[in-house]
């Protein structure tokens, strides 16, 4: 398994909205669908917190094409 850097990125290649979930999944070696499902479940239970967290991640994470 290749080591990932400690920096988070938005994955421009596999994005659906802005690439936050895809970048987080690649960083932690998780399936992208699992991270997206977790985000949807948390969003349904705490929409304001999840929307704020997603927006912060979108603004902080740099966009990069992760292969």
Foldseek 3Di string as FASTA:
>chain_A
DDQDDPAFAQAPVPDDDTRRLVRVCVNVVHDSVVSVVVLVVVCVVPVVVSVVVVVVSSVPHHHDHDD
